Amino acid sequence: MKYESGFNRMEVASSYTLHMVNSASSPYRAGNRAWQIQGDS
């Protein structure tokens, strides 16, 4: 049981980290795209 709960906790932590990385990188991507559009015009 202890190993199972530890594995579940690890899974939750990794999916949370993935979510944080995705939400951190999407504003960066949007800003990068806006910067590229500004550079083109």
Protein backbone atom coordinates (compact mmCIF):
# COMPACT_ATOMS: atom_id res chain seq x y z
CA MET A 1 0.00 0.00 0.00
CA LYS A 2 2.78 2.40 0.86
CA TYR A 3 4.49 1.84 -2.50
CA GLU A 4 1.18 2.29 -4.32
CA SER A 5 0.42 5.62 -2.65
CA GLY A 6 3.97 6.78 -3.34
CA PHE A 7 3.59 5.88 -7.00
CA ASN A 8 0.28 7.74 -7.19
CA ARG A 9 1.86 10.77 -5.54
CA MET A 10 4.69 10.64 -8.09
CA GLU A 11 2.19 10.47 -10.95
CA VAL A 12 0.26 13.47 -9.60
CA ALA A 13 3.50 15.42 -9.12
CA SER A 14 4.71 14.69 -12.65
CA SER A 15 1.38 15.64 -14.25
CA TYR A 16 1.32 18.83 -12.13
CA THR A 17 4.88 19.64 -13.25
CA LEU A 18 3.87 19.01 -16.86
CA HIS A 19 0.89 21.34 -16.43
CA MET A 20 3.12 24.05 -14.90
CA VAL A 21 5.63 23.72 -17.76
CA ASN A 22 2.85 23.93 -20.36
CA SER A 23 1.21 26.99 -18.82
CA ALA A 24 4.62 28.62 -18.35
CA SER A 25 5.66 27.99 -21.95
CA SER A 26 2.42 29.07 -23.66
CA PRO A 27 2.69 32.81 -22.71
CA TYR A 28 6.36 32.60 -23.75
CA ARG A 29 5.35 31.15 -27.12
CA ALA A 30 2.65 33.80 -27.57
CA GLY A 31 5.14 36.55 -26.70
CA ASN A 32 7.70 35.08 -29.07
CA ARG A 33 5.11 34.98 -31.85
CA ALA A 34 4.12 38.61 -31.18
CA TRP A 35 7.80 39.60 -31.26
CA GLN A 36 8.27 37.83 -34.60
CA ILE A 37 5.20 39.62 -36.05
CA GLN A 38 6.58 42.97 -34.83
CA GLY A 39 9.93 42.20 -36.42
CA ASP A 40 8.31 41.37 -39.76
CA SER A 41 6.30 44.58 -40.04
